[in-house]
Amino acid sequence: MRDAIGRQWQLGTVQVDYVLPERFGLEYTGADGRAHRPVMIHRAPFGSLERFIGVLTEHFAGAFPLWLAPVQVAVLPIADRHHEYARGVAQELEAAGFRVEANFDNEKVGAKIAVAENQKIPYMLVIGDKEVEAGAVAVRARGRRDVGVMPRGDLLQMLRDESVA
């Protein structure tokens, strides 16, 4: 397999070995009553999964697509008065099967966005007075792309559509 910068990596292997059974003098008695040399099958899964995850992480530069991201959505309330609504949004997304983190730290929303961007979370939901009043969320995509304000139901549909794409 080639990684993002063109290096080749061997991931899992399954090999048929005719040499080691002979070297070890292995044999078995067949149905015909005679001695036969077995064929040995080697498999090398150890480290394969770790190498694959490394290649995959390098390929995406840590910015995984929505379906693969460890945290898919960050919920970012602007002030303490938005926490209850933000919890409801987070719970609704979790109930729909999404991996969500809500940031209730006592920081400015810009700092919360910077943290989510640094963690390469695909979507950030900024929640302030207007969003609470409208029953909506302000959606921001990773890479500083403003998606806009949308009702929670539209957000769920957008995330579902992208998860299967």
Foldseek 3Di string as FASTA:
>chain_A
DAAQVGDDDDAKDKDKDPPVQVVVVDWDQDPVRDTDRDIDIDIDHVCRVVVVVVRVCRRCVQQDFQLPNQAAEEEEEQDPVCVVVSVVLQVVVVVVPHHYHYDPDPDGSVVVVVVCLVNNHQKYWYDYDVCVVVCWTFIAGRPRRTPGIDHSVVVSVVSVVRNVD
